[in-house]
Amino acid sequence: MTDAKPLILVVDDDRLVLATVVAGLKQAGFDIIEADNGDDAILLARKHKPPLALLDMRMHGKSGMEVARYLAANTDTGFMFLSAFGDSDIIDEATRLGALGYLVKPLDVKQIVPAVRAALERIQERAVEQPRRVGRPPTLQASGGSPRDQHIAIGILMERLRLDDERALEALRAQARSEGRSVDEIAASMVEAANRLNSIPR
């Protein structure tokens, strides 16, 4: 581990959200480059090669998903998505692309910083475990429980119970203990239940 600050690309076409996320990550010690559209995001990713990008899912012009497809095919930059909770199809596609996380809006810096740090740790772990392969960024495992499920489950608890990330994680662990199951299993079941609810026609 070096003393260099990790470089994060933050992309959102809502300037207020962008400014809030950028300020919070800078305060947490990250170096930030920012863009308010997908085309500029791709140019910045090619130029600066950040290890991680935070992408707004829905933007005018190129969407966050389109930017992610480019990053997955052409760079080693890992990515996370910023979006409103609830679209299971989008979450599934994001996972297939190799998303390292999914942050729920409205965003709280207390939620963002630990998730970003966890994503960077996974990127470093995979860089050690396997040779770097161009066009194949680190991906989430598709097994029953995954880091993606834990992040989404924590986001669900934060939203529904109005908890910060630490209390949400402890609530998830407490539920796992009470049911005699692993945290991964509880997280996966919560995400599955949420997806079922979201699939019900309104």
N, C-alpha and C. Protein backbone atom coordinates (compact mmCIF):
# COMPACT_ATOMS: atom_id res chain seq x y z
N MET A 1 0.86 -1.19 0.00
CA MET A 1 0.00 0.00 0.00
C MET A 1 0.89 1.24 0.00
N THR A 2 0.65 2.14 -0.94
CA THR A 2 1.41 3.38 -1.00
C THR A 2 0.66 4.48 -0.28
N ASP A 3 1.38 5.61 -0.09
CA ASP A 3 0.75 6.75 0.57
C ASP A 3 -0.04 7.61 -0.41
N ALA A 4 0.03 7.29 -1.70
CA ALA A 4 -0.68 8.08 -2.70
C ALA A 4 -2.18 7.97 -2.47
N LYS A 5 -2.87 9.10 -2.66
CA LYS A 5 -4.33 9.08 -2.50
C LYS A 5 -4.95 8.37 -3.70
N PRO A 6 -5.90 7.50 -3.47
CA PRO A 6 -6.59 6.86 -4.59
C PRO A 6 -7.32 7.90 -5.44
N LEU A 7 -7.26 7.72 -6.75
CA LEU A 7 -7.94 8.64 -7.68
C LEU A 7 -9.31 8.06 -8.04
N ILE A 8 -10.35 8.86 -7.85
CA ILE A 8 -11.72 8.43 -8.12
C ILE A 8 -12.33 9.35 -9.18
N LEU A 9 -12.96 8.75 -10.18
CA LEU A 9 -13.73 9.51 -11.17
C LEU A 9 -15.19 9.51 -10.73
N VAL A 10 -15.77 10.71 -10.57
CA VAL A 10 -17.17 10.83 -10.17
C VAL A 10 -17.95 11.48 -11.32
N VAL A 11 -19.05 10.83 -11.71
CA VAL A 11 -19.82 11.28 -12.86
C VAL A 11 -21.30 11.38 -12.50
N ASP A 12 -21.86 12.59 -12.62
CA ASP A 12 -23.29 12.78 -12.37
C ASP A 12 -23.72 14.06 -13.08
N ASP A 13 -24.85 14.03 -13.78
CA ASP A 13 -25.29 15.23 -14.48
C ASP A 13 -26.08 16.19 -13.60
N ASP A 14 -26.32 15.79 -12.35
CA ASP A 14 -26.91 16.70 -11.37
C ASP A 14 -25.76 17.39 -10.64
N ARG A 15 -25.57 18.67 -10.92
CA ARG A 15 -24.40 19.38 -10.40
C ARG A 15 -24.38 19.42 -8.87
N LEU A 16 -25.55 19.47 -8.24
CA LEU A 16 -25.60 19.50 -6.77
C LEU A 16 -25.14 18.16 -6.20
N VAL A 17 -25.63 17.07 -6.78
CA VAL A 17 -25.20 15.74 -6.33
C VAL A 17 -23.71 15.57 -6.57
N LEU A 18 -23.26 15.99 -7.75
CA LEU A 18 -21.84 15.87 -8.09
C LEU A 18 -20.98 16.62 -7.08
N ALA A 19 -21.36 17.86 -6.78
CA ALA A 19 -20.58 18.67 -5.84
C ALA A 19 -20.56 18.04 -4.44
N THR A 20 -21.70 17.49 -4.03
CA THR A 20 -21.80 16.88 -2.70
C THR A 20 -20.91 15.65 -2.59
N VAL A 21 -20.97 14.78 -3.60
CA VAL A 21 -20.17 13.56 -3.59
C VAL A 21 -18.68 13.90 -3.65
N VAL A 22 -18.32 14.82 -4.55
CA VAL A 22 -16.92 15.22 -4.71
C VAL A 22 -16.37 15.78 -3.40
N ALA A 23 -17.13 16.68 -2.77
CA ALA A 23 -16.68 17.30 -1.53
C ALA A 23 -16.50 16.26 -0.43
N GLY A 24 -17.43 15.33 -0.33
CA GLY A 24 -17.34 14.30 0.70
C GLY A 24 -16.15 13.38 0.51
N LEU A 25 -15.90 12.99 -0.74
CA LEU A 25 -14.77 12.10 -1.00
C LEU A 25 -13.43 12.81 -0.83
N LYS A 26 -13.37 14.07 -1.21
CA LYS A 26 -12.14 14.84 -1.00
C LYS A 26 -11.84 14.97 0.49
N GLN A 27 -12.89 15.23 1.26
CA GLN A 27 -12.71 15.37 2.71
C GLN A 27 -12.23 14.05 3.32
N ALA A 28 -12.62 12.94 2.70
CA ALA A 28 -12.22 11.62 3.20
C ALA A 28 -10.82 11.23 2.74
N GLY A 29 -10.18 12.08 1.92
CA GLY A 29 -8.79 11.84 1.56
C GLY A 29 -8.56 11.30 0.16
N PHE A 30 -9.60 11.31 -0.70
CA PHE A 30 -9.43 10.83 -2.06
C PHE A 30 -9.10 11.97 -3.01
N ASP A 31 -8.34 11.67 -4.06
CA ASP A 31 -8.18 12.61 -5.16
C ASP A 31 -9.32 12.36 -6.14
N ILE A 32 -9.90 13.44 -6.66
CA ILE A 32 -11.12 13.32 -7.46
C ILE A 32 -10.95 14.00 -8.82
N ILE A 33 -11.43 13.32 -9.86
CA ILE A 33 -11.69 13.98 -11.13
C ILE A 33 -13.19 13.83 -11.37
N GLU A 34 -13.80 14.81 -12.01
CA GLU A 34 -15.26 14.79 -12.11
C GLU A 34 -15.73 15.15 -13.51
N ALA A 35 -16.91 14.66 -13.85
CA ALA A 35 -17.55 14.95 -15.12
C ALA A 35 -19.05 14.98 -14.91
N ASP A 36 -19.75 15.79 -15.73
CA ASP A 36 -21.20 15.86 -15.62
C ASP A 36 -21.90 15.23 -16.83
N ASN A 37 -21.12 14.46 -17.63
CA ASN A 37 -21.72 13.74 -18.74
C ASN A 37 -20.85 12.54 -19.11
N GLY A 38 -21.45 11.59 -19.82
CA GLY A 38 -20.76 10.34 -20.12
C GLY A 38 -19.58 10.48 -21.07
N ASP A 39 -19.70 11.36 -22.05
CA ASP A 39 -18.60 11.52 -23.01
C ASP A 39 -17.33 12.03 -22.32
N ASP A 40 -17.49 13.05 -21.47
CA ASP A 40 -16.32 13.57 -20.74
C ASP A 40 -15.77 12.51 -19.78
N ALA A 41 -16.67 11.72 -19.21
CA ALA A 41 -16.23 10.67 -18.29
C ALA A 41 -15.31 9.68 -18.99
N ILE A 42 -15.67 9.29 -20.20
CA ILE A 42 -14.84 8.34 -20.95
C ILE A 42 -13.49 8.95 -21.28
N LEU A 43 -13.48 10.22 -21.69
CA LEU A 43 -12.22 10.91 -21.99
C LEU A 43 -11.32 10.97 -20.76
N LEU A 44 -11.90 11.30 -19.60
CA LEU A 44 -11.13 11.39 -18.37
C LEU A 44 -10.61 10.02 -17.94
N ALA A 45 -11.43 9.00 -18.11
CA ALA A 45 -11.00 7.64 -17.74
C ALA A 45 -9.83 7.19 -18.61
N ARG A 46 -9.89 7.51 -19.90
CA ARG A 46 -8.79 7.14 -20.80
C ARG A 46 -7.52 7.89 -20.45
N LYS A 47 -7.66 9.16 -20.08
CA LYS A 47 -6.48 9.99 -19.82
C LYS A 47 -5.84 9.68 -18.48
N HIS A 48 -6.66 9.56 -17.42
CA HIS A 48 -6.12 9.47 -16.06
C HIS A 48 -6.07 8.04 -15.51
N LYS A 49 -6.82 7.11 -16.13
CA LYS A 49 -6.83 5.71 -15.71
C LYS A 49 -7.08 5.55 -14.20
N PRO A 50 -8.16 6.12 -13.68
CA PRO A 50 -8.46 5.96 -12.25
C PRO A 50 -8.80 4.51 -11.94
N PRO A 51 -8.47 4.04 -10.73
CA PRO A 51 -8.83 2.66 -10.38
C PRO A 51 -10.34 2.46 -10.23
N LEU A 52 -11.07 3.56 -9.92
CA LEU A 52 -12.50 3.42 -9.64
C LEU A 52 -13.28 4.62 -10.18
N ALA A 53 -14.46 4.34 -10.73
CA ALA A 53 -15.38 5.39 -11.18
C ALA A 53 -16.73 5.21 -10.50
N LEU A 54 -17.32 6.32 -10.06
CA LEU A 54 -18.69 6.33 -9.54
C LEU A 54 -19.57 6.93 -10.61
N LEU A 55 -20.51 6.16 -11.13
CA LEU A 55 -21.29 6.56 -12.29
C LEU A 55 -22.77 6.72 -11.95
N ASP A 56 -23.32 7.91 -12.24
CA ASP A 56 -24.76 8.07 -12.13
C ASP A 56 -25.41 7.17 -13.17
N MET A 57 -26.41 6.41 -12.75
CA MET A 57 -27.02 5.44 -13.67
C MET A 57 -27.75 6.12 -14.81
N ARG A 58 -28.50 7.16 -14.50
CA ARG A 58 -29.32 7.81 -15.52
C ARG A 58 -28.80 9.24 -15.74
N MET A 59 -28.29 9.49 -16.94
CA MET A 59 -27.81 10.83 -17.30
C MET A 59 -28.30 11.17 -18.69
N HIS A 60 -28.36 12.48 -18.99
CA HIS A 60 -28.65 12.89 -20.35
C HIS A 60 -27.46 12.51 -21.23
N GLY A 61 -27.72 12.19 -22.50
CA GLY A 61 -26.62 11.73 -23.34
C GLY A 61 -26.28 10.29 -22.97
N LYS A 62 -25.00 9.98 -22.88
CA LYS A 62 -24.58 8.63 -22.51
C LYS A 62 -24.98 8.35 -21.06
N SER A 63 -25.61 7.22 -20.84
CA SER A 63 -25.99 6.84 -19.48
C SER A 63 -24.79 6.26 -18.74
N GLY A 64 -24.93 6.12 -17.43
CA GLY A 64 -23.88 5.49 -16.65
C GLY A 64 -23.63 4.07 -17.11
N MET A 65 -24.69 3.37 -17.54
CA MET A 65 -24.53 2.00 -18.02
C MET A 65 -23.68 1.97 -19.29
N GLU A 66 -23.90 2.94 -20.19
CA GLU A 66 -23.10 2.99 -21.41
C GLU A 66 -21.63 3.27 -21.10
N VAL A 67 -21.39 4.17 -20.16
CA VAL A 67 -20.01 4.45 -19.75
C VAL A 67 -19.39 3.19 -19.15
N ALA A 68 -20.17 2.48 -18.32
CA ALA A 68 -19.67 1.26 -17.70
C ALA A 68 -19.31 0.21 -18.75
N ARG A 69 -20.14 0.09 -19.78
CA ARG A 69 -19.83 -0.87 -20.85
C ARG A 69 -18.50 -0.53 -21.50
N TYR A 70 -18.26 0.76 -21.72
CA TYR A 70 -16.99 1.17 -22.32
C TYR A 70 -15.83 0.82 -21.38
N LEU A 71 -15.98 1.18 -20.11
CA LEU A 71 -14.91 0.91 -19.14
C LEU A 71 -14.62 -0.59 -19.05
N ALA A 72 -15.68 -1.40 -19.05
CA ALA A 72 -15.50 -2.84 -18.92
C ALA A 72 -14.77 -3.42 -20.13
N ALA A 73 -15.04 -2.87 -21.30
CA ALA A 73 -14.47 -3.42 -22.53
C ALA A 73 -13.08 -2.89 -22.84
N ASN A 74 -12.76 -1.69 -22.34
CA ASN A 74 -11.55 -1.02 -22.82
C ASN A 74 -10.56 -0.57 -21.75
N THR A 75 -10.90 -0.69 -20.49
CA THR A 75 -10.03 -0.18 -19.44
C THR A 75 -9.97 -1.16 -18.27
N ASP A 76 -9.12 -0.85 -17.30
CA ASP A 76 -9.04 -1.60 -16.05
C ASP A 76 -9.72 -0.84 -14.91
N THR A 77 -10.47 0.20 -15.23
CA THR A 77 -11.16 0.99 -14.20
C THR A 77 -12.39 0.25 -13.69
N GLY A 78 -12.42 0.02 -12.38
CA GLY A 78 -13.61 -0.55 -11.78
C GLY A 78 -14.69 0.52 -11.64
N PHE A 79 -15.92 0.11 -11.42
CA PHE A 79 -16.99 1.12 -11.34
C PHE A 79 -18.08 0.70 -10.38
N MET A 80 -18.70 1.75 -9.80
CA MET A 80 -19.88 1.60 -8.96
C MET A 80 -20.95 2.51 -9.53
N PHE A 81 -22.20 2.22 -9.21
CA PHE A 81 -23.30 3.04 -9.72
C PHE A 81 -23.96 3.86 -8.62
N LEU A 82 -24.42 5.04 -8.99
CA LEU A 82 -25.22 5.89 -8.13
C LEU A 82 -26.62 5.93 -8.73
N SER A 83 -27.63 5.55 -7.96
CA SER A 83 -28.97 5.54 -8.53
C SER A 83 -30.00 5.43 -7.44
N ALA A 84 -31.24 5.76 -7.81
CA ALA A 84 -32.35 5.53 -6.90
C ALA A 84 -32.56 4.03 -6.75
N PHE A 85 -32.92 3.59 -5.55
CA PHE A 85 -33.09 2.16 -5.29
C PHE A 85 -34.34 1.63 -5.98
N GLY A 86 -34.26 0.40 -6.48
CA GLY A 86 -35.49 -0.25 -6.85
C GLY A 86 -35.58 -0.88 -8.21
N ASP A 87 -34.67 -0.63 -9.12
CA ASP A 87 -34.78 -1.21 -10.45
C ASP A 87 -33.94 -2.48 -10.53
N SER A 88 -34.58 -3.62 -10.30
CA SER A 88 -33.83 -4.88 -10.21
C SER A 88 -33.16 -5.24 -11.53
N ASP A 89 -33.79 -4.91 -12.66
CA ASP A 89 -33.19 -5.23 -13.96
C ASP A 89 -31.88 -4.48 -14.15
N ILE A 90 -31.87 -3.22 -13.74
CA ILE A 90 -30.66 -2.41 -13.87
C ILE A 90 -29.57 -2.95 -12.94
N ILE A 91 -29.96 -3.33 -11.73
CA ILE A 91 -28.98 -3.89 -10.79
C ILE A 91 -28.38 -5.17 -11.36
N ASP A 92 -29.22 -6.01 -11.95
CA ASP A 92 -28.72 -7.26 -12.52
C ASP A 92 -27.76 -6.98 -13.67
N GLU A 93 -28.10 -6.03 -14.55
CA GLU A 93 -27.20 -5.73 -15.66
C GLU A 93 -25.90 -5.13 -15.15
N ALA A 94 -26.00 -4.26 -14.14
CA ALA A 94 -24.79 -3.67 -13.55
C ALA A 94 -23.88 -4.74 -13.00
N THR A 95 -24.46 -5.74 -12.37
CA THR A 95 -23.67 -6.84 -11.82
C THR A 95 -23.00 -7.64 -12.92
N ARG A 96 -23.75 -7.91 -14.00
CA ARG A 96 -23.17 -8.66 -15.11
C ARG A 96 -21.99 -7.91 -15.74
N LEU A 97 -22.07 -6.59 -15.76
CA LEU A 97 -20.98 -5.79 -16.31
C LEU A 97 -19.75 -5.79 -15.41
N GLY A 98 -19.95 -6.14 -14.13
CA GLY A 98 -18.83 -6.16 -13.21
C GLY A 98 -18.84 -5.04 -12.20
N ALA A 99 -20.01 -4.45 -11.94
CA ALA A 99 -20.08 -3.35 -10.97
C ALA A 99 -19.62 -3.81 -9.59
N LEU A 100 -18.89 -2.94 -8.92
CA LEU A 100 -18.37 -3.25 -7.60
C LEU A 100 -19.30 -2.81 -6.48
N GLY A 101 -20.36 -2.13 -6.83
CA GLY A 101 -21.29 -1.68 -5.81
C GLY A 101 -22.40 -0.85 -6.43
N TYR A 102 -23.38 -0.52 -5.59
CA TYR A 102 -24.57 0.18 -6.05
C TYR A 102 -25.01 1.07 -4.89
N LEU A 103 -24.83 2.38 -5.04
CA LEU A 103 -25.12 3.32 -3.96
C LEU A 103 -26.49 3.96 -4.17
N VAL A 104 -27.24 4.01 -3.10
CA VAL A 104 -28.63 4.44 -3.18
C VAL A 104 -28.77 5.94 -2.96
N LYS A 105 -29.52 6.60 -3.85
CA LYS A 105 -29.85 8.01 -3.65
C LYS A 105 -31.13 8.12 -2.83
N PRO A 106 -31.28 9.17 -2.01
CA PRO A 106 -30.33 10.27 -1.80
C PRO A 106 -29.08 9.78 -1.07
N LEU A 107 -27.95 10.31 -1.50
CA LEU A 107 -26.66 9.81 -1.01
C LEU A 107 -26.24 10.51 0.28
N ASP A 108 -25.57 9.73 1.12
CA ASP A 108 -25.00 10.25 2.36
C ASP A 108 -23.52 9.91 2.33
N VAL A 109 -22.67 10.89 2.66
CA VAL A 109 -21.24 10.64 2.63
C VAL A 109 -20.87 9.47 3.53
N LYS A 110 -21.59 9.32 4.63
CA LYS A 110 -21.32 8.20 5.54
C LYS A 110 -21.57 6.86 4.85
N GLN A 111 -22.44 6.86 3.85
CA GLN A 111 -22.72 5.65 3.09
C GLN A 111 -21.68 5.47 1.98
N ILE A 112 -21.27 6.59 1.35
CA ILE A 112 -20.41 6.51 0.17
C ILE A 112 -18.99 6.08 0.52
N VAL A 113 -18.39 6.73 1.52
CA VAL A 113 -16.97 6.53 1.79
C VAL A 113 -16.63 5.08 2.11
N PRO A 114 -17.35 4.39 3.01
CA PRO A 114 -17.00 2.99 3.27
C PRO A 114 -17.17 2.11 2.04
N ALA A 115 -18.19 2.38 1.24
CA ALA A 115 -18.42 1.58 0.04
C ALA A 115 -17.30 1.77 -0.96
N VAL A 116 -16.83 3.01 -1.10
CA VAL A 116 -15.72 3.29 -2.02
C VAL A 116 -14.45 2.59 -1.53
N ARG A 117 -14.19 2.68 -0.24
CA ARG A 117 -13.00 2.02 0.30
C ARG A 117 -13.07 0.51 0.11
N ALA A 118 -14.24 -0.07 0.31
CA ALA A 118 -14.39 -1.51 0.13
C ALA A 118 -14.16 -1.90 -1.33
N ALA A 119 -14.66 -1.07 -2.26
CA ALA A 119 -14.47 -1.36 -3.69
C ALA A 119 -12.99 -1.29 -4.05
N LEU A 120 -12.29 -0.30 -3.52
CA LEU A 120 -10.85 -0.17 -3.81
C LEU A 120 -10.08 -1.36 -3.24
N GLU A 121 -10.49 -1.83 -2.07
CA GLU A 121 -9.83 -3.00 -1.48
C GLU A 121 -10.04 -4.23 -2.35
N ARG A 122 -11.25 -4.40 -2.89
CA ARG A 122 -11.51 -5.55 -3.75
C ARG A 122 -10.69 -5.47 -5.04
N ILE A 123 -10.54 -4.25 -5.56
CA ILE A 123 -9.73 -4.07 -6.77
C ILE A 123 -8.28 -4.47 -6.49
N GLN A 124 -7.75 -4.04 -5.33
CA GLN A 124 -6.37 -4.39 -4.97
C GLN A 124 -6.22 -5.89 -4.75
N GLU A 125 -7.20 -6.50 -4.08
CA GLU A 125 -7.13 -7.94 -3.82
C GLU A 125 -7.10 -8.73 -5.12
N ARG A 126 -7.93 -8.36 -6.06
CA ARG A 126 -7.99 -9.09 -7.31
C ARG A 126 -6.74 -8.85 -8.16
N ALA A 127 -6.15 -7.67 -8.03
CA ALA A 127 -4.92 -7.40 -8.76
C ALA A 127 -3.79 -8.30 -8.28
N VAL A 128 -3.83 -8.64 -6.98
CA VAL A 128 -2.83 -9.54 -6.42
C VAL A 128 -3.13 -10.99 -6.79
N GLU A 129 -4.42 -11.33 -6.75
CA GLU A 129 -4.82 -12.73 -6.96
C GLU A 129 -4.68 -13.19 -8.40
N GLN A 130 -4.84 -12.28 -9.36
CA GLN A 130 -4.78 -12.70 -10.76
C GLN A 130 -4.09 -11.64 -11.59
N PRO A 131 -3.45 -12.03 -12.69
CA PRO A 131 -2.78 -11.05 -13.55
C PRO A 131 -3.80 -10.07 -14.10
N ARG A 132 -3.37 -8.82 -14.31
CA ARG A 132 -4.23 -7.83 -14.92
C ARG A 132 -4.52 -8.23 -16.35
N ARG A 133 -5.78 -8.14 -16.73
CA ARG A 133 -6.16 -8.49 -18.09
C ARG A 133 -6.91 -7.30 -18.69
N VAL A 134 -6.40 -6.76 -19.78
CA VAL A 134 -7.01 -5.59 -20.40
C VAL A 134 -8.45 -5.93 -20.77
N GLY A 135 -9.34 -5.00 -20.42
CA GLY A 135 -10.74 -5.18 -20.76
C GLY A 135 -11.50 -6.09 -19.83
N ARG A 136 -10.85 -6.58 -18.76
CA ARG A 136 -11.54 -7.44 -17.82
C ARG A 136 -11.35 -6.92 -16.40
N PRO A 137 -12.11 -5.87 -16.02
CA PRO A 137 -11.99 -5.33 -14.68
C PRO A 137 -12.52 -6.31 -13.66
N PRO A 138 -12.21 -6.09 -12.37
CA PRO A 138 -12.69 -6.99 -11.33
C PRO A 138 -14.20 -7.06 -11.34
N THR A 139 -14.75 -8.24 -11.13
CA THR A 139 -16.19 -8.41 -11.15
C THR A 139 -16.68 -8.99 -9.84
N LEU A 140 -17.95 -8.77 -9.56
CA LEU A 140 -18.55 -9.38 -8.39
C LEU A 140 -18.78 -10.86 -8.66
N GLN A 141 -18.65 -11.66 -7.63
CA GLN A 141 -18.93 -13.07 -7.78
C GLN A 141 -20.43 -13.29 -7.89
N ALA A 142 -20.81 -14.26 -8.69
CA ALA A 142 -22.23 -14.50 -8.94
C ALA A 142 -22.81 -15.57 -8.01
N SER A 143 -22.10 -15.93 -6.96
CA SER A 143 -22.60 -16.94 -6.03
C SER A 143 -23.75 -16.38 -5.22
N GLY A 144 -24.37 -17.23 -4.38
CA GLY A 144 -25.57 -16.84 -3.67
C GLY A 144 -25.43 -15.55 -2.89
N GLY A 145 -24.34 -15.40 -2.14
CA GLY A 145 -24.09 -14.18 -1.41
C GLY A 145 -22.93 -13.45 -2.04
N SER A 146 -22.99 -12.14 -2.12
CA SER A 146 -21.93 -11.40 -2.77
C SER A 146 -21.76 -10.06 -2.10
N PRO A 147 -20.59 -9.41 -2.29
CA PRO A 147 -20.43 -8.05 -1.76
C PRO A 147 -21.51 -7.13 -2.28
N ARG A 148 -21.92 -7.33 -3.53
CA ARG A 148 -22.98 -6.49 -4.10
C ARG A 148 -24.25 -6.62 -3.27
N ASP A 149 -24.64 -7.86 -2.90
CA ASP A 149 -25.84 -8.06 -2.09
C ASP A 149 -25.70 -7.37 -0.74
N GLN A 150 -24.52 -7.45 -0.12
CA GLN A 150 -24.33 -6.80 1.17
C GLN A 150 -24.49 -5.29 1.05
N HIS A 151 -23.89 -4.70 0.01
CA HIS A 151 -24.01 -3.25 -0.17
C HIS A 151 -25.47 -2.84 -0.37
N ILE A 152 -26.19 -3.60 -1.19
CA ILE A 152 -27.59 -3.25 -1.45
C ILE A 152 -28.42 -3.45 -0.19
N ALA A 153 -28.17 -4.55 0.54
CA ALA A 153 -28.91 -4.80 1.77
C ALA A 153 -28.67 -3.68 2.79
N ILE A 154 -27.42 -3.25 2.90
CA ILE A 154 -27.12 -2.13 3.80
C ILE A 154 -27.85 -0.87 3.35
N GLY A 155 -27.87 -0.65 2.03
CA GLY A 155 -28.60 0.51 1.50
C GLY A 155 -30.08 0.44 1.81
N ILE A 156 -30.66 -0.77 1.70
CA ILE A 156 -32.07 -0.95 2.02
C ILE A 156 -32.34 -0.60 3.48
N LEU A 157 -31.49 -1.12 4.37
CA LEU A 157 -31.67 -0.85 5.80
C LEU A 157 -31.48 0.63 6.12
N MET A 158 -30.51 1.25 5.47
CA MET A 158 -30.28 2.69 5.69
C MET A 158 -31.51 3.49 5.28
N GLU A 159 -32.09 3.11 4.13
CA GLU A 159 -33.25 3.84 3.62
C GLU A 159 -34.49 3.58 4.46
N ARG A 160 -34.77 2.29 4.74
CA ARG A 160 -36.02 1.94 5.42
C ARG A 160 -36.00 2.29 6.90
N LEU A 161 -34.85 2.09 7.56
CA LEU A 161 -34.78 2.28 9.01
C LEU A 161 -34.10 3.58 9.41
N ARG A 162 -33.68 4.36 8.40
CA ARG A 162 -33.01 5.65 8.65
C ARG A 162 -31.77 5.47 9.53
N LEU A 163 -30.92 4.52 9.14
CA LEU A 163 -29.69 4.23 9.88
C LEU A 163 -28.49 4.74 9.09
N ASP A 164 -27.37 4.99 9.79
CA ASP A 164 -26.13 5.24 9.06
C ASP A 164 -25.55 3.89 8.67
N ASP A 165 -24.45 3.91 7.90
CA ASP A 165 -23.94 2.65 7.34
C ASP A 165 -23.47 1.68 8.42
N GLU A 166 -22.85 2.20 9.50
CA GLU A 166 -22.35 1.32 10.56
C GLU A 166 -23.49 0.62 11.28
N ARG A 167 -24.55 1.37 11.60
CA ARG A 167 -25.68 0.76 12.29
C ARG A 167 -26.43 -0.20 11.37
N ALA A 168 -26.49 0.13 10.08
CA ALA A 168 -27.15 -0.77 9.13
C ALA A 168 -26.38 -2.08 9.04
N LEU A 169 -25.06 -2.01 9.00
CA LEU A 169 -24.25 -3.23 8.94
C LEU A 169 -24.44 -4.05 10.21
N GLU A 170 -24.47 -3.38 11.36
CA GLU A 170 -24.66 -4.11 12.62
C GLU A 170 -26.05 -4.74 12.66
N ALA A 171 -27.07 -4.05 12.12
CA ALA A 171 -28.42 -4.61 12.08
C ALA A 171 -28.45 -5.86 11.20
N LEU A 172 -27.71 -5.80 10.09
CA LEU A 172 -27.63 -6.97 9.19
C LEU A 172 -26.96 -8.14 9.90
N ARG A 173 -25.87 -7.86 10.62
CA ARG A 173 -25.17 -8.92 11.36
C ARG A 173 -26.04 -9.49 12.48
N ALA A 174 -26.77 -8.60 13.17
CA ALA A 174 -27.63 -9.05 14.26
C ALA A 174 -28.73 -9.96 13.74
N GLN A 175 -29.29 -9.61 12.57
CA GLN A 175 -30.34 -10.45 11.99
C GLN A 175 -29.78 -11.81 11.60
N ALA A 176 -28.56 -11.81 11.06
CA ALA A 176 -27.92 -13.08 10.69
C ALA A 176 -27.71 -13.95 11.93
N ARG A 177 -27.26 -13.34 13.03
CA ARG A 177 -27.06 -14.10 14.27
C ARG A 177 -28.38 -14.66 14.79
N SER A 178 -29.42 -13.84 14.75
CA SER A 178 -30.70 -14.27 15.30
C SER A 178 -31.31 -15.42 14.51
N GLU A 179 -30.99 -15.48 13.19
CA GLU A 179 -31.54 -16.55 12.34
C GLU A 179 -30.56 -17.71 12.18
N GLY A 180 -29.35 -17.56 12.74
CA GLY A 180 -28.37 -18.62 12.61
C GLY A 180 -27.89 -18.81 11.18
N ARG A 181 -27.83 -17.72 10.42
CA ARG A 181 -27.41 -17.77 9.02
C ARG A 181 -26.24 -16.80 8.82
N SER A 182 -25.58 -16.91 7.67
CA SER A 182 -24.47 -16.01 7.39
C SER A 182 -25.00 -14.65 6.94
N VAL A 183 -24.15 -13.63 7.06
CA VAL A 183 -24.51 -12.29 6.60
C VAL A 183 -24.80 -12.32 5.10
N ASP A 184 -24.00 -13.08 4.34
CA ASP A 184 -24.22 -13.19 2.90
C ASP A 184 -25.61 -13.75 2.59
N GLU A 185 -26.02 -14.77 3.34
CA GLU A 185 -27.34 -15.38 3.10
C GLU A 185 -28.46 -14.39 3.40
N ILE A 186 -28.34 -13.69 4.52
CA ILE A 186 -29.37 -12.71 4.89
C ILE A 186 -29.43 -11.60 3.85
N ALA A 187 -28.26 -11.10 3.43
CA ALA A 187 -28.23 -10.02 2.44
C ALA A 187 -28.86 -10.47 1.13
N ALA A 188 -28.52 -11.68 0.69
CA ALA A 188 -29.08 -12.19 -0.57
C ALA A 188 -30.60 -12.32 -0.48
N SER A 189 -31.10 -12.79 0.67
CA SER A 189 -32.55 -12.95 0.82
C SER A 189 -33.26 -11.60 0.85
N MET A 190 -32.61 -10.58 1.46
CA MET A 190 -33.20 -9.24 1.48
C MET A 190 -33.28 -8.66 0.08
N VAL A 191 -32.21 -8.83 -0.69
CA VAL A 191 -32.19 -8.30 -2.05
C VAL A 191 -33.24 -9.01 -2.91
N GLU A 192 -33.36 -10.34 -2.73
CA GLU A 192 -34.36 -11.09 -3.48
C GLU A 192 -35.76 -10.61 -3.15
N ALA A 193 -36.03 -10.38 -1.85
CA ALA A 193 -37.35 -9.91 -1.43
C ALA A 193 -37.64 -8.53 -2.01
N ALA A 194 -36.63 -7.65 -1.99
CA ALA A 194 -36.82 -6.31 -2.54
C ALA A 194 -37.08 -6.36 -4.03
N ASN A 195 -36.36 -7.23 -4.72
CA ASN A 195 -36.57 -7.37 -6.17
C ASN A 195 -37.97 -7.88 -6.48
N ARG A 196 -38.47 -8.80 -5.66
CA ARG A 196 -39.82 -9.31 -5.87
C ARG A 196 -40.85 -8.19 -5.68
N LEU A 197 -40.66 -7.39 -4.64
CA LEU A 197 -41.58 -6.28 -4.41
C LEU A 197 -41.57 -5.30 -5.58
N ASN A 198 -40.36 -5.03 -6.08
CA ASN A 198 -40.23 -4.06 -7.16
C ASN A 198 -40.77 -4.58 -8.49
N SER A 199 -40.92 -5.90 -8.61
CA SER A 199 -41.43 -6.48 -9.85
C SER A 199 -42.96 -6.49 -9.90
N ILE A 200 -43.62 -6.18 -8.76
CA ILE A 200 -45.09 -6.18 -8.72
C ILE A 200 -45.61 -4.97 -9.49
N PRO A 201 -46.48 -5.16 -10.49
CA PRO A 201 -47.01 -4.02 -11.25
C PRO A 201 -47.75 -3.06 -10.34
N ARG A 202 -47.55 -1.77 -10.61
CA ARG A 202 -48.22 -0.74 -9.79
C ARG A 202 -49.47 -0.25 -10.49
